[in-house]
């Protein structure tokens, strides 16, 4: 049976289709998935070149298509996504939906494969593209500091691996090994299709999908067959490390672990993170950046699927000890309940405003649905329910959860020319 989920909103003019293959991967397979996503986005048997693909999309009134990879904790999603116009907004009610679905069928199930291997030239070309992405990950120092902290916090766990894998694994990919990864993707994934946008006039879209894909999107796995949060790194001692790069910029990161997390904690943790460093009105922004002038930027990020928060800031290396002192103090201030009404209310208002903005994007609505599905194994959480739960969080809830948050990692990416 095909897992089809529909989010209908008549305020949009277009329809977004997202076909998801969610799977558990080891390190080598992460690199293979990265290359596979690009190979499948560039060619299939019917549309051999990227130019052929673009020509077909143009004939479908400028439909937008790509293949995306993303992490949901320790799960990886290989997503085929396309957006097209509802027939109500095309000349003479021309309907392109079936053609869009047939295009997706060809891309996913009729790839450029002969004798159980992908086109060698195409594979080698896309390997180079992925290697360039891996080699450039140090270019953005803040982003690299966060990636390095994720890696240290989740060592040995799939989430700790870079989304594009590593250089050696990419180099070892062959056209035959990539076909094996493709075959495994089809047979060892939780599969669904999320349709978001204006579905007015498409009441039988389920039937169209079943007819065109002919049970090939049937999922052998359920979402709860997969483990989204593998916990191998359980060291709760504070580990402090430093790496030096040839740069004039330094970065400090804090990795915070959250203990004994339940589904209900999600909303409280979002408010906690927003108070700590998630918004311009947060403690870190106001005190670390504005009052102490320690950083040009400072933020904190909550990881829903991995029970952790990462704080990151660009600093001068000479201010490293002072930066730690201020961060430690802001964490302590929340724990002892030193949260002003303005900080608390601004944090919730910001989160609710962000959620309401999601309602203005069919893609964001589909992403929200997928995150809730993976996190809770349920399809029944509405946007309004999420808003209500954020609104119901109390200051005491935030104080209580702060007592379950511990510093695990402190990382300094020190610039060798940072004086």
Protein backbone atom coordinates (compact mmCIF):
# COMPACT_ATOMS: atom_id res chain seq x y z
CA UNK A 1 0.00 0.00 0.00
CA UNK A 2 1.26 3.47 -0.91
CA UNK A 3 1.53 5.93 1.96
CA UNK A 4 -0.10 9.04 0.49
CA UNK A 5 -0.55 12.17 2.62
CA UNK A 6 -2.37 15.27 1.38
CA UNK A 7 -2.23 18.84 2.67
CA UNK A 8 -4.87 20.83 0.81
CA UNK A 9 -4.84 24.63 0.88
CA UNK A 10 -6.76 26.56 -1.78
CA UNK A 11 -4.78 29.77 -1.30
CA UNK A 12 -1.96 28.29 -3.40
CA UNK A 13 -1.94 28.03 -7.19
CA UNK A 14 0.40 25.08 -7.45
CA UNK A 15 0.88 21.53 -6.16
CA UNK A 16 4.03 20.16 -4.57
CA UNK A 17 4.80 16.43 -4.76
CA UNK A 18 7.43 14.98 -2.44
CA UNK A 19 8.37 11.30 -2.81
CA UNK A 20 10.46 10.25 0.19
CA UNK A 21 12.74 7.26 0.71
CA UNK A 22 13.72 7.30 4.40
CA UNK A 23 16.38 4.83 5.46
CA UNK A 24 19.06 3.92 7.97
CA UNK A 25 22.57 4.24 6.55
CA UNK A 26 26.13 3.40 7.49
CA UNK A 27 29.03 5.74 6.71
CA UNK A 28 29.80 4.37 3.24
CA UNK A 29 26.16 4.49 2.18
CA UNK A 30 25.91 8.18 3.11
CA UNK A 31 28.45 9.01 0.39
CA UNK A 32 26.66 6.70 -2.03
CA UNK A 33 23.32 8.37 -1.36
CA UNK A 34 24.84 11.79 -2.00
CA UNK A 35 26.18 10.72 -5.41
CA UNK A 36 23.01 8.77 -6.20
CA UNK A 37 20.82 11.83 -5.59
CA UNK A 38 22.78 13.86 -8.13
CA UNK A 39 23.00 11.08 -10.72
CA UNK A 40 19.24 10.50 -10.60
CA UNK A 41 18.53 14.24 -10.83
CA UNK A 42 20.52 14.51 -14.06
CA UNK A 43 19.39 11.58 -16.20
CA UNK A 44 17.03 8.67 -16.77
CA UNK A 45 16.37 6.38 -19.73
CA UNK A 46 13.63 8.58 -21.18
CA UNK A 47 15.34 11.91 -20.45
CA UNK A 48 18.98 11.08 -21.04
CA UNK A 49 20.59 14.47 -20.48
CA UNK A 50 19.94 17.33 -18.13
CA UNK A 51 18.88 19.32 -21.18
CA UNK A 52 16.22 16.69 -21.92
CA UNK A 53 14.95 16.98 -18.35
CA UNK A 54 14.80 20.77 -18.54
CA UNK A 55 12.97 20.59 -21.86
CA UNK A 56 10.34 18.26 -20.38
CA UNK A 57 9.89 20.48 -17.32
CA UNK A 58 9.45 23.49 -19.59
CA UNK A 59 6.71 21.62 -21.49
CA UNK A 60 4.98 21.06 -18.13
CA UNK A 61 4.53 24.83 -17.79
CA UNK A 62 7.79 25.41 -15.99
CA UNK A 63 7.46 22.73 -13.33
CA UNK A 64 10.32 22.74 -10.81
CA UNK A 65 12.14 19.48 -10.01
CA UNK A 66 15.12 18.37 -7.98
CA UNK A 67 16.41 15.55 -5.78
CA UNK A 68 17.19 16.44 -2.19
CA UNK A 69 19.01 14.66 0.65
CA UNK A 70 18.46 15.49 4.31
CA UNK A 71 18.81 14.02 7.79
CA UNK A 72 16.10 13.30 10.31
CA UNK A 73 18.40 12.49 13.21
CA UNK A 74 20.05 9.17 12.31
CA UNK A 75 17.69 8.63 9.38
CA UNK A 76 18.46 9.86 5.87
CA UNK A 77 15.84 10.93 3.38
CA UNK A 78 16.36 10.83 -0.38
CA UNK A 79 13.55 13.03 -1.67
CA UNK A 80 12.31 13.42 -5.24
CA UNK A 81 10.28 16.62 -5.43
CA UNK A 82 8.42 18.49 -8.13
CA UNK A 83 6.02 21.44 -8.21
CA UNK A 84 3.45 22.14 -10.92
CA UNK A 85 0.49 24.45 -11.56
CA UNK A 86 -3.09 23.48 -10.71
CA UNK A 87 -5.13 23.10 -13.92
CA UNK A 88 -7.49 25.90 -12.78
CA UNK A 89 -4.71 28.39 -13.47
CA UNK A 90 -3.62 27.09 -16.88
CA UNK A 91 -5.09 27.96 -20.32
CA UNK A 92 -8.18 25.88 -21.11
CA UNK A 93 -7.73 24.01 -17.81
CA UNK A 94 -4.83 22.02 -19.24
CA UNK A 95 -3.93 19.35 -16.68
CA UNK A 96 -0.24 18.46 -16.28
CA UNK A 97 -0.49 16.46 -13.04
CA UNK A 98 -0.49 13.02 -14.67
CA UNK A 99 2.45 14.03 -16.86
CA UNK A 100 4.29 15.28 -13.75
CA UNK A 101 3.66 11.97 -11.99
CA UNK A 102 4.82 10.04 -15.07
CA UNK A 103 7.97 12.18 -15.13
CA UNK A 104 8.64 11.24 -11.49
CA UNK A 105 8.02 7.58 -12.32
CA UNK A 106 10.63 7.69 -15.09
CA UNK A 107 13.18 9.48 -12.91
CA UNK A 108 12.76 7.09 -9.96
CA UNK A 109 12.09 3.74 -11.60
CA UNK A 110 13.68 4.03 -15.05
CA UNK A 111 17.14 5.45 -14.28
CA UNK A 112 20.16 5.42 -16.62
CA UNK A 113 21.08 1.81 -15.82
CA UNK A 114 22.35 -0.96 -18.10
CA UNK A 115 23.63 -4.35 -16.99
CA UNK A 116 23.00 -3.45 -13.34
CA UNK A 117 25.20 -0.33 -13.38
CA UNK A 118 24.68 3.37 -13.86
CA UNK A 119 26.23 5.32 -16.70
CA UNK A 120 29.94 5.44 -15.81
CA UNK A 121 30.65 8.90 -17.20
CA UNK A 122 27.69 10.37 -15.35
CA UNK A 123 28.73 8.72 -12.07
CA UNK A 124 32.30 9.99 -12.34
CA UNK A 125 31.10 13.51 -13.13
CA UNK A 126 28.76 13.62 -10.14
CA UNK A 127 31.44 12.15 -7.86
CA UNK A 128 33.57 15.18 -8.69
CA UNK A 129 30.64 17.45 -7.80
CA UNK A 130 30.18 15.79 -4.39
CA UNK A 131 33.93 15.89 -3.71
CA UNK A 132 33.86 19.64 -4.34
CA UNK A 133 31.07 20.01 -1.77
CA UNK A 134 33.06 18.02 0.79
CA UNK A 135 36.26 19.96 0.13
CA UNK A 136 34.46 23.29 0.53
CA UNK A 137 32.87 22.54 3.92
CA UNK A 138 35.64 24.41 5.75
CA UNK A 139 35.05 27.60 3.78
CA UNK A 140 32.26 28.80 6.08
CA UNK A 141 33.95 28.81 9.48
CA UNK A 142 30.77 29.08 11.57
CA UNK A 143 29.10 26.27 9.65
CA UNK A 144 32.23 24.14 9.91
CA UNK A 145 32.40 24.73 13.66
CA UNK A 146 28.82 23.48 14.00
CA UNK A 147 29.50 20.46 11.74
CA UNK A 148 32.59 19.59 13.78
CA UNK A 149 30.58 19.81 17.01
CA UNK A 150 27.84 17.59 15.56
CA UNK A 151 30.52 15.08 14.62
CA UNK A 152 32.04 15.08 18.12
CA UNK A 153 28.67 14.97 19.88
CA UNK A 154 27.47 12.06 17.73
CA UNK A 155 30.69 10.14 17.06
CA UNK A 156 29.96 6.74 15.50
CA UNK A 157 26.31 7.65 14.93
CA UNK A 158 24.97 8.30 11.41
CA UNK A 159 24.05 11.88 12.31
CA UNK A 160 27.70 12.58 13.10
CA UNK A 161 28.63 12.01 9.45
CA UNK A 162 28.64 14.86 6.95
CA UNK A 163 25.54 14.84 4.73
CA UNK A 164 27.76 14.31 1.64
CA UNK A 165 29.93 11.64 3.27
CA UNK A 166 33.73 11.68 3.10
CA UNK A 167 36.34 11.85 0.37
CA UNK A 168 37.61 8.25 0.46
CA UNK A 169 34.13 6.75 0.39
CA UNK A 170 33.12 8.92 -2.56
CA UNK A 171 36.26 8.01 -4.50
CA UNK A 172 35.56 4.29 -3.99
CA UNK A 173 32.06 4.48 -5.52
CA UNK A 174 31.65 2.63 -8.82
CA UNK A 175 28.74 2.57 -11.25
CA UNK A 176 27.96 -0.97 -10.02
CA UNK A 177 28.16 -0.18 -6.29
CA UNK A 178 25.88 2.81 -6.92
CA UNK A 179 23.30 0.57 -8.55
CA UNK A 180 23.38 -1.69 -5.47
CA UNK A 181 22.72 1.39 -3.30
CA UNK A 182 19.80 2.29 -5.59
CA UNK A 183 18.38 -1.22 -5.29
CA UNK A 184 18.73 -1.11 -1.50
CA UNK A 185 17.04 2.29 -1.44
CA UNK A 186 13.99 0.90 -3.21
CA UNK A 187 13.75 -2.17 -1.00
CA UNK A 188 14.94 -1.03 2.43
CA UNK A 189 13.26 2.35 2.90
CA UNK A 190 10.12 3.69 4.45
CA UNK A 191 8.44 5.26 1.40
CA UNK A 192 5.74 7.89 1.26
CA UNK A 193 4.46 10.66 -0.97
CA UNK A 194 3.39 13.99 0.51
CA UNK A 195 1.23 16.25 -1.65
CA UNK A 196 0.90 19.86 -0.55
CA UNK A 197 -0.87 22.80 -2.17
CA UNK A 198 -4.07 23.47 -4.07
CA UNK A 199 -5.72 20.09 -4.60
CA UNK A 200 -9.03 21.55 -5.73
CA UNK A 201 -10.20 19.36 -8.62
CA UNK A 202 -7.86 16.49 -7.70
CA UNK A 203 -10.09 14.50 -5.36
CA UNK A 204 -8.96 11.25 -7.07
CA UNK A 205 -5.23 11.98 -6.96
CA UNK A 206 -4.65 8.77 -4.94
CA UNK A 207 -6.08 6.75 -7.82
CA UNK A 208 -3.85 8.54 -10.35
CA UNK A 209 -0.76 7.78 -8.25
CA UNK A 210 -1.67 4.12 -7.84
CA UNK A 211 -2.34 3.78 -11.56
CA UNK A 212 0.90 5.44 -12.68
CA UNK A 213 3.25 3.91 -10.09
CA UNK A 214 1.49 0.52 -10.10
CA UNK A 215 2.39 -0.41 -6.49
CA UNK A 216 6.09 0.46 -6.95
CA UNK A 217 5.79 3.03 -4.17
CA UNK A 218 4.44 0.44 -1.76
CA UNK A 219 6.51 0.58 1.42
CA UNK A 220 7.73 -2.63 3.02
CA UNK A 221 8.76 -0.71 6.13
CA UNK A 222 6.82 1.44 8.57
CA UNK A 223 8.35 4.62 9.93
CA UNK A 224 8.62 3.13 13.43
CA UNK A 225 10.74 0.27 12.03
CA UNK A 226 13.62 2.76 11.85
CA UNK A 227 15.68 4.24 14.71
CA UNK A 228 15.92 8.02 14.41
CA UNK A 229 18.11 8.49 17.49
CA UNK A 230 20.96 6.01 17.90
CA UNK A 231 22.81 6.76 21.14
CA UNK A 232 26.40 5.54 21.19
CA UNK A 233 28.18 8.59 22.60
CA UNK A 234 27.04 8.67 26.22
CA UNK A 235 30.05 10.44 27.76
CA UNK A 236 28.68 13.30 29.86
CA UNK A 237 32.05 14.70 30.95
CA UNK A 238 32.84 18.13 29.52
CA UNK A 239 35.40 17.72 26.74
CA UNK A 240 37.17 20.81 25.50
CA UNK A 241 39.00 20.70 22.16
CA UNK A 242 40.66 23.11 19.76
CA UNK A 243 41.48 23.11 16.06
CA UNK A 244 43.56 25.74 14.30
CA UNK A 245 42.95 26.97 10.76
CA UNK A 246 44.80 29.47 8.60
CA UNK A 247 42.28 32.26 9.07
CA UNK A 248 41.71 35.56 10.85
CA UNK A 249 38.41 34.37 12.33
CA UNK A 250 37.78 32.16 15.36
CA UNK A 251 34.64 30.25 16.32
CA UNK A 252 33.44 28.92 19.67
CA UNK A 253 30.78 26.23 19.94
CA UNK A 254 29.07 24.57 22.89
CA UNK A 255 27.45 21.17 22.58
CA UNK A 256 24.65 20.69 25.13
CA UNK A 257 23.08 17.28 25.83
CA UNK A 258 19.47 16.99 26.95
CA UNK A 259 18.64 14.09 29.28
CA UNK A 260 15.51 11.93 29.41
CA UNK A 261 13.68 13.63 26.55
CA UNK A 262 10.03 12.80 25.83
CA UNK A 263 7.81 13.88 22.92
CA UNK A 264 6.09 16.46 25.12
CA UNK A 265 9.43 18.19 25.78
CA UNK A 266 9.70 19.30 22.14
CA UNK A 267 7.71 22.49 22.65
CA UNK A 268 9.40 23.42 25.94
CA UNK A 269 12.83 22.88 24.39
CA UNK A 270 11.95 25.14 21.49
CA UNK A 271 11.03 27.91 23.95
CA UNK A 272 14.19 27.24 25.98
CA UNK A 273 16.34 27.48 22.85
CA UNK A 274 14.57 30.65 21.74
CA UNK A 275 15.26 32.29 25.12
CA UNK A 276 18.87 31.11 25.10
CA UNK A 277 20.00 32.07 21.61
CA UNK A 278 17.36 31.42 18.99
CA UNK A 279 16.21 34.99 18.38
CA UNK A 280 17.54 38.60 18.43
CA UNK A 281 15.80 39.08 21.79
CA UNK A 282 17.56 36.05 23.31
CA UNK A 283 19.96 36.16 26.25
CA UNK A 284 23.01 35.32 24.17
CA UNK A 285 22.23 37.89 21.52
CA UNK A 286 21.51 40.66 24.01
CA UNK A 287 24.34 39.93 26.47
CA UNK A 288 27.05 38.02 24.57
CA UNK A 289 26.76 40.11 21.41
CA UNK A 290 25.27 43.48 22.35
CA UNK A 291 26.34 44.06 25.96
CA UNK A 292 29.74 42.33 26.00
CA UNK A 293 30.55 42.83 22.28
CA UNK A 294 32.10 39.36 22.13
CA UNK A 295 30.74 38.29 18.75
CA UNK A 296 29.53 39.53 15.43
CA UNK A 297 27.03 36.69 15.49
CA UNK A 298 25.82 34.22 18.13
CA UNK A 299 23.02 31.66 17.93
CA UNK A 300 21.81 28.42 19.46
CA UNK A 301 20.19 25.56 17.57
CA UNK A 302 17.95 22.82 18.98
CA UNK A 303 18.18 19.38 17.35
CA UNK A 304 14.80 17.74 17.66
CA UNK A 305 15.95 14.25 16.70
CA UNK A 306 19.23 14.08 18.62
CA UNK A 307 18.40 15.53 22.07
CA UNK A 308 21.00 18.28 21.89
CA UNK A 309 21.54 22.02 21.46
CA UNK A 310 24.56 23.66 19.84
CA UNK A 311 25.61 27.25 20.60
CA UNK A 312 27.91 28.88 18.06
CA UNK A 313 29.55 32.28 17.81
CA UNK A 314 32.26 34.03 15.82
CA UNK A 315 34.77 35.54 18.24
CA UNK A 316 38.28 36.86 18.59
CA UNK A 317 40.56 34.16 19.93
CA UNK A 318 41.81 36.41 22.76
CA UNK A 319 38.22 36.52 24.10
CA UNK A 320 37.83 32.72 24.34
CA UNK A 321 37.89 32.51 28.17
CA UNK A 322 35.58 35.51 28.51
CA UNK A 323 33.20 33.96 25.95
CA UNK A 324 33.00 30.74 27.98
CA UNK A 325 32.34 32.72 31.14
CA UNK A 326 29.43 34.61 29.55
CA UNK A 327 27.88 31.50 27.96
CA UNK A 328 28.13 29.56 31.22
CA UNK A 329 26.47 32.44 33.03
CA UNK A 330 23.56 32.68 30.58
CA UNK A 331 22.93 28.93 30.93
CA UNK A 332 22.97 29.35 34.71
CA UNK A 333 20.61 32.35 34.60
CA UNK A 334 17.93 30.26 32.90
CA UNK A 335 18.41 27.42 35.37
CA UNK A 336 17.87 29.69 38.38
CA UNK A 337 14.81 31.25 36.74
CA UNK A 338 16.28 34.62 35.84
CA UNK A 339 14.09 35.01 32.75
CA UNK A 340 12.34 38.32 32.21
CA UNK A 341 8.76 38.47 30.95
CA UNK A 342 10.05 40.22 27.83
CA UNK A 343 12.54 37.41 27.09
CA UNK A 344 9.91 34.75 27.72
CA UNK A 345 7.10 36.32 25.73
CA UNK A 346 9.36 37.36 22.85
CA UNK A 347 10.66 33.79 22.59
CA UNK A 348 7.16 32.34 22.29
CA UNK A 349 5.96 35.09 19.97
CA UNK A 350 8.89 34.47 17.65
CA UNK A 351 8.25 30.71 17.50
CA UNK A 352 4.53 31.20 16.86
CA UNK A 353 5.28 33.76 14.16
CA UNK A 354 7.63 31.28 12.47
CA UNK A 355 4.98 28.57 12.56
CA UNK A 356 2.40 30.88 11.01
CA UNK A 357 4.87 31.67 8.23
CA UNK A 358 5.07 27.96 7.45
CA UNK A 359 1.41 28.16 6.54
CA UNK A 360 2.37 30.45 3.66
CA UNK A 361 4.56 27.83 1.99
CA UNK A 362 3.36 24.53 0.59
CA UNK A 363 6.93 23.20 0.86
CA UNK A 364 7.24 24.22 4.52
CA UNK A 365 3.91 22.55 5.29
CA UNK A 366 5.16 19.32 3.70
CA UNK A 367 8.41 19.55 5.69
CA UNK A 368 6.51 20.20 8.93
CA UNK A 369 4.36 17.15 8.25
CA UNK A 370 7.39 14.95 7.58
CA UNK A 371 9.25 16.09 10.70
CA UNK A 372 6.22 15.41 12.89
CA UNK A 373 5.65 12.03 11.25
CA UNK A 374 9.23 10.90 11.80
CA UNK A 375 9.39 12.31 15.34
CA UNK A 376 6.06 11.02 16.63
CA UNK A 377 4.93 8.30 14.16
CA UNK A 378 1.64 10.14 13.81
CA UNK A 379 -0.03 12.17 11.06
CA UNK A 380 -2.50 13.99 13.31
CA UNK A 381 -0.51 17.04 14.50
CA UNK A 382 -1.91 20.24 13.01
CA UNK A 383 -0.18 23.59 12.72
CA UNK A 384 -2.71 25.10 15.15
CA UNK A 385 -2.02 22.35 17.68
CA UNK A 386 1.70 23.16 17.50
CA UNK A 387 0.96 26.85 18.05
CA UNK A 388 -1.30 26.07 21.01
CA UNK A 389 1.35 23.86 22.63
CA UNK A 390 4.02 26.54 22.26
CA UNK A 391 1.62 29.07 23.75
CA UNK A 392 0.90 26.78 26.74
CA UNK A 393 4.57 26.48 27.77
CA UNK A 394 5.20 28.14 31.14
CA UNK A 395 8.31 29.79 32.51
CA UNK A 396 8.50 27.03 35.12
CA UNK A 397 8.50 24.42 32.33
CA UNK A 398 11.59 26.10 30.87
CA UNK A 399 13.33 26.26 34.25
CA UNK A 400 12.65 22.58 34.94
CA UNK A 401 13.92 21.40 31.56
CA UNK A 402 17.08 23.50 31.90
CA UNK A 403 18.07 21.26 34.81
CA UNK A 404 18.25 18.32 32.38
CA UNK A 405 20.65 20.10 30.05
CA UNK A 406 24.40 19.60 30.47
CA UNK A 407 27.48 20.95 28.69
CA UNK A 408 29.11 18.08 26.78
CA UNK A 409 31.51 19.74 24.32
CA UNK A 410 33.32 23.06 24.04
CA UNK A 411 35.11 23.57 20.74
CA UNK A 412 37.38 26.39 19.61
CA UNK A 413 38.12 26.76 15.94
CA UNK A 414 41.06 29.08 16.35
CA UNK A 415 42.28 31.28 13.55
CA UNK A 416 46.06 31.24 13.28
CA UNK A 417 45.98 34.92 12.22
CA UNK A 418 43.40 35.95 14.82
CA UNK A 419 45.27 38.33 17.11
